[in-house]
């Protein structure tokens, strides 16, 4: 795939669901050439986490629906019907990394809302490492993308953008330059225009690690949040700002994420997946914002 700068026409075309939903648009009324903006929802509820850090399924489901409703400015049922329709075949792309996986309760909540929106149970599946062979994903017309945010030795951060790397047979081909080309994956035929929603899990994010596949219980904290949006760049850029603020608070000085997670900005600038500039992100805040770090 050729690498090119994104135009405003390209940006609006990427993710047809976002444009149809009105989640991307001009920065000000009547400004035809204004830079497009994206709507992102951050929701936090500290009571979602139990004493051992495990999420309460009912509260987590409520948070998901509240965020989706706020994102589309609809009631939850109507909002989900704008994400998927009864004719869709839906793959829920999860993440099974053993130390910090997508919570099964969140997978269940997404699946139940997809079915409630009219998708046949046989036309929806949850998977991570088996997406290339999963028969539902092979037929998928819509993807819902969800994973926890964490620091990562190759890409700086494990993000919504990076979560689709399992759709390629050789993920290592995208590891160069701190995974700068991850955005190209989103333009593969099996994914182009199909990702309807990104749910970045911020329940107990990891803000520091060293080495491949590194997990440190000392460097996760009970943030109790979700970041939800159609634009994966805006979602990930918002999460990255929170991680950067937590690192500064924890270490007492500016401690840049290493390697730098520049795949987020590049996904917007080079591959047209969205916006990373905070001034172009309409961040909707729900719930407790004490110590939100943003």
C-alpha atoms as a PDB file:
ATOM      1  CA  UNK A   1       0.000   0.000   0.000  1.00  0.00           C
ATOM      2  CA  UNK A   2       1.276   3.434  -0.889  1.00  0.00           C
ATOM      3  CA  UNK A   3       1.814   5.878   1.933  1.00  0.00           C
ATOM      4  CA  UNK A   4       0.196   9.254   1.446  1.00  0.00           C
ATOM      5  CA  UNK A   5      -0.979  12.281   3.351  1.00  0.00           C
ATOM      6  CA  UNK A   6      -4.655  12.319   4.204  1.00  0.00           C
ATOM      7  CA  UNK A   7      -7.035  14.847   2.686  1.00  0.00           C
ATOM      8  CA  UNK A   8     -10.259  16.034   4.264  1.00  0.00           C
ATOM      9  CA  UNK A   9     -12.199  14.104   1.592  1.00  0.00           C
ATOM     10  CA  UNK A  10     -10.331  10.913   2.557  1.00  0.00           C
ATOM     11  CA  UNK A  11     -10.893  11.460   6.265  1.00  0.00           C
ATOM     12  CA  UNK A  12     -14.640  11.793   5.945  1.00  0.00           C
ATOM     13  CA  UNK A  13     -14.692   8.688   3.718  1.00  0.00           C
ATOM     14  CA  UNK A  14     -12.854   6.503   6.230  1.00  0.00           C
ATOM     15  CA  UNK A  15     -15.282   4.742   8.545  1.00  0.00           C
ATOM     16  CA  UNK A  16     -18.569   5.334   6.760  1.00  0.00           C
ATOM     17  CA  UNK A  17     -20.405   4.602   9.981  1.00  0.00           C
ATOM     18  CA  UNK A  18     -18.763   7.557  11.666  1.00  0.00           C
ATOM     19  CA  UNK A  19     -19.759   9.969   8.945  1.00  0.00           C
ATOM     20  CA  UNK A  20     -23.293   8.630   8.819  1.00  0.00           C
ATOM     21  CA  UNK A  21     -23.600   9.004  12.568  1.00  0.00           C
ATOM     22  CA  UNK A  22     -22.351  12.571  12.537  1.00  0.00           C
ATOM     23  CA  UNK A  23     -19.370  11.686  14.706  1.00  0.00           C
ATOM     24  CA  UNK A  24     -16.918  13.440  12.408  1.00  0.00           C
ATOM     25  CA  UNK A  25     -17.460  16.882  10.985  1.00  0.00           C
ATOM     26  CA  UNK A  26     -16.173  20.372  10.366  1.00  0.00           C
ATOM     27  CA  UNK A  27     -14.621  22.226  13.248  1.00  0.00           C
ATOM     28  CA  UNK A  28     -17.112  25.106  13.012  1.00  0.00           C
ATOM     29  CA  UNK A  29     -20.432  25.700  11.306  1.00  0.00           C
ATOM     30  CA  UNK A  30     -20.092  26.935   7.752  1.00  0.00           C
ATOM     31  CA  UNK A  31     -16.331  26.426   7.625  1.00  0.00           C
ATOM     32  CA  UNK A  32     -16.089  24.129   4.622  1.00  0.00           C
ATOM     33  CA  UNK A  33     -12.321  23.722   4.862  1.00  0.00           C
ATOM     34  CA  UNK A  34     -12.166  23.472   8.665  1.00  0.00           C
ATOM     35  CA  UNK A  35     -10.240  20.540  10.074  1.00  0.00           C
ATOM     36  CA  UNK A  36     -12.542  17.620  10.932  1.00  0.00           C
ATOM     37  CA  UNK A  37     -13.195  16.756  14.565  1.00  0.00           C
ATOM     38  CA  UNK A  38     -14.089  13.549  16.396  1.00  0.00           C
ATOM     39  CA  UNK A  39     -16.330  12.804  19.358  1.00  0.00           C
ATOM     40  CA  UNK A  40     -14.958  10.548  22.111  1.00  0.00           C
ATOM     41  CA  UNK A  41     -16.534   9.539  25.419  1.00  0.00           C
ATOM     42  CA  UNK A  42     -14.611   8.954  28.637  1.00  0.00           C
ATOM     43  CA  UNK A  43     -16.681   7.339  31.368  1.00  0.00           C
ATOM     44  CA  UNK A  44     -15.437   6.501  34.874  1.00  0.00           C
ATOM     45  CA  UNK A  45     -17.050   4.775  37.847  1.00  0.00           C
ATOM     46  CA  UNK A  46     -14.787   3.736  40.676  1.00  0.00           C
ATOM     47  CA  UNK A  47     -17.357   1.268  42.013  1.00  0.00           C
ATOM     48  CA  UNK A  48     -16.941  -0.827  38.850  1.00  0.00           C
ATOM     49  CA  UNK A  49     -13.847  -2.444  40.378  1.00  0.00           C
ATOM     50  CA  UNK A  50     -14.030  -4.920  43.238  1.00  0.00           C
ATOM     51  CA  UNK A  51     -11.366  -5.345  45.954  1.00  0.00           C
ATOM     52  CA  UNK A  52      -9.315  -7.661  43.716  1.00  0.00           C
ATOM     53  CA  UNK A  53      -9.598  -5.343  40.721  1.00  0.00           C
ATOM     54  CA  UNK A  54     -12.191  -7.452  38.917  1.00  0.00           C
ATOM     55  CA  UNK A  55     -15.026  -5.514  37.267  1.00  0.00           C
ATOM     56  CA  UNK A  56     -18.632  -5.770  38.349  1.00  0.00           C
ATOM     57  CA  UNK A  57     -20.433  -7.095  35.226  1.00  0.00           C
ATOM     58  CA  UNK A  58     -23.623  -5.126  35.798  1.00  0.00           C
ATOM     59  CA  UNK A  59     -21.883  -1.803  36.395  1.00  0.00           C
ATOM     60  CA  UNK A  60     -19.534  -2.381  33.464  1.00  0.00           C
ATOM     61  CA  UNK A  61     -22.486  -3.077  31.180  1.00  0.00           C
ATOM     62  CA  UNK A  62     -24.155   0.119  32.391  1.00  0.00           C
ATOM     63  CA  UNK A  63     -20.972   2.091  31.692  1.00  0.00           C
ATOM     64  CA  UNK A  64     -20.758   0.695  28.174  1.00  0.00           C
ATOM     65  CA  UNK A  65     -24.343   1.630  27.389  1.00  0.00           C
ATOM     66  CA  UNK A  66     -24.017   5.077  28.933  1.00  0.00           C
ATOM     67  CA  UNK A  67     -20.913   5.748  26.854  1.00  0.00           C
ATOM     68  CA  UNK A  68     -22.474   4.499  23.614  1.00  0.00           C
ATOM     69  CA  UNK A  69     -25.609   6.559  24.277  1.00  0.00           C
ATOM     70  CA  UNK A  70     -23.524   9.682  24.890  1.00  0.00           C
ATOM     71  CA  UNK A  71     -21.394   9.031  21.810  1.00  0.00           C
ATOM     72  CA  UNK A  72     -24.408   8.914  19.482  1.00  0.00           C
ATOM     73  CA  UNK A  73     -26.606  11.244  21.562  1.00  0.00           C
ATOM     74  CA  UNK A  74     -29.358   8.655  21.593  1.00  0.00           C
ATOM     75  CA  UNK A  75     -30.867   6.224  24.068  1.00  0.00           C
ATOM     76  CA  UNK A  76     -28.738   3.044  24.350  1.00  0.00           C
ATOM     77  CA  UNK A  77     -31.017   0.828  22.251  1.00  0.00           C
ATOM     78  CA  UNK A  78     -31.175   3.335  19.403  1.00  0.00           C
ATOM     79  CA  UNK A  79     -27.428   3.950  19.617  1.00  0.00           C
ATOM     80  CA  UNK A  80     -26.630   0.259  19.256  1.00  0.00           C
ATOM     81  CA  UNK A  81     -28.949   0.027  16.252  1.00  0.00           C
ATOM     82  CA  UNK A  82     -26.860   2.778  14.653  1.00  0.00           C
ATOM     83  CA  UNK A  83     -23.739   0.689  15.226  1.00  0.00           C
ATOM     84  CA  UNK A  84     -25.066  -2.603  13.840  1.00  0.00           C
ATOM     85  CA  UNK A  85     -28.151  -3.758  11.961  1.00  0.00           C
ATOM     86  CA  UNK A  86     -29.923  -7.149  11.804  1.00  0.00           C
ATOM     87  CA  UNK A  87     -28.288  -7.880   8.447  1.00  0.00           C
ATOM     88  CA  UNK A  88     -24.750  -7.523   9.827  1.00  0.00           C
ATOM     89  CA  UNK A  89     -22.273 -10.263  10.645  1.00  0.00           C
ATOM     90  CA  UNK A  90     -20.314  -8.939  13.619  1.00  0.00           C
ATOM     91  CA  UNK A  91     -16.842  -9.791  14.861  1.00  0.00           C
ATOM     92  CA  UNK A  92     -15.963  -8.550  18.330  1.00  0.00           C
ATOM     93  CA  UNK A  93     -12.183  -8.228  18.285  1.00  0.00           C
ATOM     94  CA  UNK A  94     -10.982  -8.762  21.832  1.00  0.00           C
ATOM     95  CA  UNK A  95      -7.548  -9.174  23.410  1.00  0.00           C
ATOM     96  CA  UNK A  96      -6.512 -12.243  25.405  1.00  0.00           C
ATOM     97  CA  UNK A  97      -3.103 -11.162  26.759  1.00  0.00           C
ATOM     98  CA  UNK A  98      -3.098 -13.122  29.999  1.00  0.00           C
ATOM     99  CA  UNK A  99      -1.958 -10.355  32.323  1.00  0.00           C
ATOM    100  CA  UNK A 100      -4.432  -7.719  31.148  1.00  0.00           C
ATOM    101  CA  UNK A 101      -7.111  -9.184  28.878  1.00  0.00           C
ATOM    102  CA  UNK A 102     -10.336  -7.644  27.713  1.00  0.00           C
ATOM    103  CA  UNK A 103     -12.693  -8.473  30.619  1.00  0.00           C
ATOM    104  CA  UNK A 104     -15.051 -11.326  29.716  1.00  0.00           C
ATOM    105  CA  UNK A 105     -17.842  -9.271  31.291  1.00  0.00           C
ATOM    106  CA  UNK A 106     -17.251  -6.561  28.694  1.00  0.00           C
ATOM    107  CA  UNK A 107     -17.175  -9.086  25.851  1.00  0.00           C
ATOM    108  CA  UNK A 108     -20.495 -10.462  27.111  1.00  0.00           C
ATOM    109  CA  UNK A 109     -21.997  -6.986  27.392  1.00  0.00           C
ATOM    110  CA  UNK A 110     -21.046  -6.070  23.817  1.00  0.00           C
ATOM    111  CA  UNK A 111     -22.273  -9.404  22.475  1.00  0.00           C
ATOM    112  CA  UNK A 112     -25.623  -9.098  24.255  1.00  0.00           C
ATOM    113  CA  UNK A 113     -26.183  -5.574  22.919  1.00  0.00           C
ATOM    114  CA  UNK A 114     -25.327  -6.649  19.373  1.00  0.00           C
ATOM    115  CA  UNK A 115     -27.894  -9.464  19.590  1.00  0.00           C
ATOM    116  CA  UNK A 116     -30.426  -7.128  21.182  1.00  0.00           C
ATOM    117  CA  UNK A 117     -29.953  -4.817  18.201  1.00  0.00           C
ATOM    118  CA  UNK A 118     -31.211  -7.633  15.976  1.00  0.00           C
ATOM    119  CA  UNK A 119     -28.079  -9.487  14.856  1.00  0.00           C
ATOM    120  CA  UNK A 120     -28.615 -13.239  14.804  1.00  0.00           C
ATOM    121  CA  UNK A 121     -26.626 -15.057  17.525  1.00  0.00           C
ATOM    122  CA  UNK A 122     -24.977 -17.199  14.864  1.00  0.00           C
ATOM    123  CA  UNK A 123     -23.745 -14.059  13.134  1.00  0.00           C
ATOM    124  CA  UNK A 124     -21.679 -12.686  16.003  1.00  0.00           C
ATOM    125  CA  UNK A 125     -18.472 -13.985  17.584  1.00  0.00           C
ATOM    126  CA  UNK A 126     -15.736 -12.874  19.981  1.00  0.00           C
ATOM    127  CA  UNK A 127     -12.133 -13.698  19.073  1.00  0.00           C
ATOM    128  CA  UNK A 128      -8.568 -12.438  19.186  1.00  0.00           C
ATOM    129  CA  UNK A 129      -5.783 -14.655  17.900  1.00  0.00           C
ATOM    130  CA  UNK A 130      -8.092 -16.789  15.791  1.00  0.00           C
ATOM    131  CA  UNK A 131      -9.719 -14.063  13.730  1.00  0.00           C
ATOM    132  CA  UNK A 132      -8.153 -15.234  10.459  1.00  0.00           C
ATOM    133  CA  UNK A 133      -9.718 -18.674  10.754  1.00  0.00           C
ATOM    134  CA  UNK A 134     -12.937 -17.794  12.600  1.00  0.00           C
ATOM    135  CA  UNK A 135     -15.859 -18.355  10.202  1.00  0.00           C
ATOM    136  CA  UNK A 136     -17.846 -15.415  11.577  1.00  0.00           C
ATOM    137  CA  UNK A 137     -14.917 -13.028  11.164  1.00  0.00           C
ATOM    138  CA  UNK A 138     -14.389 -14.322   7.636  1.00  0.00           C
ATOM    139  CA  UNK A 139     -17.941 -13.208   6.801  1.00  0.00           C
ATOM    140  CA  UNK A 140     -17.939 -10.110   8.985  1.00  0.00           C
ATOM    141  CA  UNK A 141     -19.542  -6.918   7.732  1.00  0.00           C
ATOM    142  CA  UNK A 142     -18.900  -5.097  11.014  1.00  0.00           C
ATOM    143  CA  UNK A 143     -16.146  -5.144  13.638  1.00  0.00           C
ATOM    144  CA  UNK A 144     -16.311  -3.921  17.233  1.00  0.00           C
ATOM    145  CA  UNK A 145     -12.815  -3.444  18.577  1.00  0.00           C
ATOM    146  CA  UNK A 146     -12.013  -3.658  22.297  1.00  0.00           C
ATOM    147  CA  UNK A 147      -8.874  -4.055  24.385  1.00  0.00           C
ATOM    148  CA  UNK A 148      -7.165  -2.685  27.531  1.00  0.00           C
ATOM    149  CA  UNK A 149      -4.602   0.096  27.166  1.00  0.00           C
ATOM    150  CA  UNK A 150      -1.069  -0.748  28.289  1.00  0.00           C
ATOM    151  CA  UNK A 151       2.524   0.151  27.619  1.00  0.00           C
ATOM    152  CA  UNK A 152       4.137  -2.035  24.980  1.00  0.00           C
ATOM    153  CA  UNK A 153       7.772  -2.788  24.184  1.00  0.00           C
ATOM    154  CA  UNK A 154       7.376  -2.598  20.402  1.00  0.00           C
ATOM    155  CA  UNK A 155       4.707   0.054  19.838  1.00  0.00           C
ATOM    156  CA  UNK A 156       5.002   2.169  22.980  1.00  0.00           C
ATOM    157  CA  UNK A 157       1.359   1.509  23.766  1.00  0.00           C
ATOM    158  CA  UNK A 158      -0.970  -1.376  23.050  1.00  0.00           C
ATOM    159  CA  UNK A 159      -3.857   0.519  21.492  1.00  0.00           C
ATOM    160  CA  UNK A 160      -7.109   0.139  19.600  1.00  0.00           C
ATOM    161  CA  UNK A 161      -5.139   0.683  16.404  1.00  0.00           C
ATOM    162  CA  UNK A 162      -2.673  -2.083  17.278  1.00  0.00           C
ATOM    163  CA  UNK A 163      -5.428  -4.487  18.321  1.00  0.00           C
ATOM    164  CA  UNK A 164      -6.167  -5.372  14.691  1.00  0.00           C
ATOM    165  CA  UNK A 165      -2.667  -6.716  14.044  1.00  0.00           C
ATOM    166  CA  UNK A 166      -3.999 -10.268  14.346  1.00  0.00           C
ATOM    167  CA  UNK A 167      -5.764  -9.767  11.007  1.00  0.00           C
ATOM    168  CA  UNK A 168      -2.417 -10.162   9.228  1.00  0.00           C
ATOM    169  CA  UNK A 169      -0.628 -13.522   8.904  1.00  0.00           C
ATOM    170  CA  UNK A 170       2.770 -12.031   9.809  1.00  0.00           C
ATOM    171  CA  UNK A 171       2.352  -9.437  12.586  1.00  0.00           C
ATOM    172  CA  UNK A 172       6.123  -9.040  12.762  1.00  0.00           C
ATOM    173  CA  UNK A 173       6.007  -7.310   9.386  1.00  0.00           C
ATOM    174  CA  UNK A 174       4.434  -4.330  11.147  1.00  0.00           C
ATOM    175  CA  UNK A 175       6.878  -4.085  14.080  1.00  0.00           C
ATOM    176  CA  UNK A 176       9.432  -1.814  12.413  1.00  0.00           C
ATOM    177  CA  UNK A 177       9.877   1.806  13.527  1.00  0.00           C
ATOM    178  CA  UNK A 178       7.826   1.270  16.694  1.00  0.00           C
ATOM    179  CA  UNK A 179       4.979  -0.232  14.647  1.00  0.00           C
ATOM    180  CA  UNK A 180       4.589   2.966  12.621  1.00  0.00           C
ATOM    181  CA  UNK A 181       2.644   1.260   9.815  1.00  0.00           C
ATOM    182  CA  UNK A 182      -0.129  -0.271  11.940  1.00  0.00           C
ATOM    183  CA  UNK A 183      -2.664   2.038  10.334  1.00  0.00           C
ATOM    184  CA  UNK A 184      -2.186   0.279   7.008  1.00  0.00           C
ATOM    185  CA  UNK A 185      -3.836  -2.841   8.458  1.00  0.00           C
ATOM    186  CA  UNK A 186      -7.129  -0.967   8.775  1.00  0.00           C
ATOM    187  CA  UNK A 187      -7.229  -0.593   4.978  1.00  0.00           C
ATOM    188  CA  UNK A 188      -7.015  -4.322   4.254  1.00  0.00           C
ATOM    189  CA  UNK A 189     -10.086  -5.635   2.390  1.00  0.00           C
ATOM    190  CA  UNK A 190     -11.354  -7.595   5.403  1.00  0.00           C
ATOM    191  CA  UNK A 191     -11.309  -4.450   7.561  1.00  0.00           C
ATOM    192  CA  UNK A 192     -11.707  -1.385   5.342  1.00  0.00           C
ATOM    193  CA  UNK A 193     -14.682   0.632   6.598  1.00  0.00           C
ATOM    194  CA  UNK A 194     -15.940  -2.178   8.845  1.00  0.00           C
ATOM    195  CA  UNK A 195     -14.842  -1.069  12.328  1.00  0.00           C
ATOM    196  CA  UNK A 196     -17.981   0.465  13.816  1.00  0.00           C
ATOM    197  CA  UNK A 197     -16.857   1.064  17.413  1.00  0.00           C
ATOM    198  CA  UNK A 198     -13.705   1.132  19.536  1.00  0.00           C
ATOM    199  CA  UNK A 199     -13.863   0.470  23.276  1.00  0.00           C
ATOM    200  CA  UNK A 200     -10.528   1.128  24.960  1.00  0.00           C
ATOM    201  CA  UNK A 201     -10.545  -0.459  28.405  1.00  0.00           C
ATOM    202  CA  UNK A 202      -9.158   1.831  31.110  1.00  0.00           C
ATOM    203  CA  UNK A 203     -10.232  -0.148  34.167  1.00  0.00           C
ATOM    204  CA  UNK A 204      -6.688  -0.946  35.336  1.00  0.00           C
ATOM    205  CA  UNK A 205      -4.340   0.358  32.615  1.00  0.00           C
ATOM    206  CA  UNK A 206      -0.601  -0.287  32.696  1.00  0.00           C
ATOM    207  CA  UNK A 207       1.490   2.875  32.471  1.00  0.00           C
ATOM    208  CA  UNK A 208       5.046   1.439  32.579  1.00  0.00           C
ATOM    209  CA  UNK A 209       6.823  -1.762  31.583  1.00  0.00           C
ATOM    210  CA  UNK A 210      10.236  -2.952  30.441  1.00  0.00           C
ATOM    211  CA  UNK A 211      10.883  -5.633  27.851  1.00  0.00           C
ATOM    212  CA  UNK A 212       8.636  -7.701  25.580  1.00  0.00           C
ATOM    213  CA  UNK A 213       5.401  -8.980  27.136  1.00  0.00           C
ATOM    214  CA  UNK A 214       6.311  -7.266  30.394  1.00  0.00           C
ATOM    215  CA  UNK A 215       3.694  -6.922  33.109  1.00  0.00           C
ATOM    216  CA  UNK A 216       4.235  -5.109  36.380  1.00  0.00           C
ATOM    217  CA  UNK A 217       1.482  -5.088  39.043  1.00  0.00           C
ATOM    218  CA  UNK A 218       3.214  -2.045  40.523  1.00  0.00           C
ATOM    219  CA  UNK A 219       2.505  -0.097  37.345  1.00  0.00           C
ATOM    220  CA  UNK A 220      -1.226  -0.578  36.945  1.00  0.00           C
ATOM    221  CA  UNK A 221      -3.783   1.490  38.795  1.00  0.00           C
ATOM    222  CA  UNK A 222      -7.567   1.435  39.367  1.00  0.00           C
ATOM    223  CA  UNK A 223      -8.662   4.087  36.907  1.00  0.00           C
ATOM    224  CA  UNK A 224     -12.129   2.574  36.486  1.00  0.00           C
ATOM    225  CA  UNK A 225     -12.817   3.860  32.992  1.00  0.00           C
ATOM    226  CA  UNK A 226     -13.691   3.208  29.367  1.00  0.00           C
ATOM    227  CA  UNK A 227     -12.864   5.372  26.346  1.00  0.00           C
ATOM    228  CA  UNK A 228     -15.363   4.886  23.531  1.00  0.00           C
ATOM    229  CA  UNK A 229     -15.444   6.265  20.005  1.00  0.00           C
ATOM    230  CA  UNK A 230     -15.726   5.552  16.306  1.00  0.00           C
ATOM    231  CA  UNK A 231     -12.406   7.251  15.532  1.00  0.00           C
ATOM    232  CA  UNK A 232      -9.599   4.923  16.759  1.00  0.00           C
ATOM    233  CA  UNK A 233      -6.959   7.644  16.547  1.00  0.00           C
ATOM    234  CA  UNK A 234      -8.930   9.995  18.774  1.00  0.00           C
ATOM    235  CA  UNK A 235      -9.682   7.175  21.222  1.00  0.00           C
ATOM    236  CA  UNK A 236      -6.033   6.120  21.439  1.00  0.00           C
ATOM    237  CA  UNK A 237      -4.705   9.683  21.596  1.00  0.00           C
ATOM    238  CA  UNK A 238      -6.997  10.338  24.553  1.00  0.00           C
ATOM    239  CA  UNK A 239      -5.754   7.205  26.310  1.00  0.00           C
ATOM    240  CA  UNK A 240      -2.146   8.132  25.590  1.00  0.00           C
ATOM    241  CA  UNK A 241      -2.608  11.524  27.240  1.00  0.00           C
ATOM    242  CA  UNK A 242      -3.855   9.819  30.383  1.00  0.00           C
ATOM    243  CA  UNK A 243      -0.906   7.398  30.432  1.00  0.00           C
ATOM    244  CA  UNK A 244       1.548  10.269  29.934  1.00  0.00           C
ATOM    245  CA  UNK A 245      -0.024  12.209  32.803  1.00  0.00           C
ATOM    246  CA  UNK A 246       0.091   9.153  35.074  1.00  0.00           C
ATOM    247  CA  UNK A 247       3.776   8.600  34.287  1.00  0.00           C
ATOM    248  CA  UNK A 248       4.583  12.203  35.152  1.00  0.00           C
ATOM    249  CA  UNK A 249       2.646  11.922  38.403  1.00  0.00           C
ATOM    250  CA  UNK A 250       4.264   8.612  39.335  1.00  0.00           C
ATOM    251  CA  UNK A 251       7.863   9.337  38.363  1.00  0.00           C
ATOM    252  CA  UNK A 252       7.840  12.989  39.377  1.00  0.00           C
ATOM    253  CA  UNK A 253       9.073  14.259  36.016  1.00  0.00           C
ATOM    254  CA  UNK A 254       8.412  13.943  32.317  1.00  0.00           C
ATOM    255  CA  UNK A 255       9.155  10.310  31.481  1.00  0.00           C
ATOM    256  CA  UNK A 256       8.267   9.834  27.793  1.00  0.00           C
ATOM    257  CA  UNK A 257       6.739   6.547  26.758  1.00  0.00           C
ATOM    258  CA  UNK A 258       9.432   4.425  25.125  1.00  0.00           C
ATOM    259  CA  UNK A 259       9.345   3.736  22.285  1.00  0.00           C
ATOM    260  CA  UNK A 260       7.158   6.692  21.407  1.00  0.00           C
ATOM    261  CA  UNK A 261       3.665   5.545  20.354  1.00  0.00           C
ATOM    262  CA  UNK A 262       3.868   7.548  17.152  1.00  0.00           C
ATOM    263  CA  UNK A 263       1.765   4.959  15.350  1.00  0.00           C
ATOM    264  CA  UNK A 264      -1.250   6.827  16.738  1.00  0.00           C
ATOM    265  CA  UNK A 265      -0.474  10.139  15.037  1.00  0.00           C
ATOM    266  CA  UNK A 266       0.770   8.376  11.901  1.00  0.00           C
ATOM    267  CA  UNK A 267      -2.495   6.420  11.687  1.00  0.00           C
ATOM    268  CA  UNK A 268      -4.257   9.740  11.334  1.00  0.00           C
ATOM    269  CA  UNK A 269      -1.801  11.714   9.232  1.00  0.00           C
ATOM    270  CA  UNK A 270      -0.665   8.971   6.857  1.00  0.00           C
ATOM    271  CA  UNK A 271      -3.513   6.476   6.843  1.00  0.00           C
ATOM    272  CA  UNK A 272      -6.506   8.731   7.394  1.00  0.00           C
ATOM    273  CA  UNK A 273      -7.999   6.886  10.349  1.00  0.00           C
ATOM    274  CA  UNK A 274      -8.851   9.921  12.457  1.00  0.00           C
ATOM    275  CA  UNK A 275      -7.490  12.822  14.487  1.00  0.00           C
ATOM    276  CA  UNK A 276      -4.924  12.908  17.297  1.00  0.00           C
ATOM    277  CA  UNK A 277      -4.844  16.653  18.031  1.00  0.00           C
ATOM    278  CA  UNK A 278      -6.638  17.229  21.383  1.00  0.00           C
ATOM    279  CA  UNK A 279      -8.057  20.488  20.008  1.00  0.00           C
ATOM    280  CA  UNK A 280      -9.900  18.460  17.385  1.00  0.00           C
ATOM    281  CA  UNK A 281     -11.287  15.877  19.812  1.00  0.00           C
ATOM    282  CA  UNK A 282     -14.658  16.587  21.383  1.00  0.00           C
ATOM    283  CA  UNK A 283     -14.165  14.751  24.670  1.00  0.00           C
ATOM    284  CA  UNK A 284     -17.390  13.981  26.528  1.00  0.00           C
ATOM    285  CA  UNK A 285     -16.812  13.204  30.212  1.00  0.00           C
ATOM    286  CA  UNK A 286     -19.200  11.029  32.209  1.00  0.00           C
ATOM    287  CA  UNK A 287     -18.992   9.995  35.859  1.00  0.00           C
ATOM    288  CA  UNK A 288     -16.300  10.879  38.341  1.00  0.00           C
ATOM    289  CA  UNK A 289     -13.518  13.018  36.912  1.00  0.00           C
ATOM    290  CA  UNK A 290     -11.491  13.194  40.139  1.00  0.00           C
ATOM    291  CA  UNK A 291      -7.911  12.231  39.279  1.00  0.00           C
ATOM    292  CA  UNK A 292      -8.979  11.689  35.665  1.00  0.00           C
ATOM    293  CA  UNK A 293      -5.590  13.064  34.484  1.00  0.00           C
ATOM    294  CA  UNK A 294      -7.123  14.732  31.443  1.00  0.00           C
END
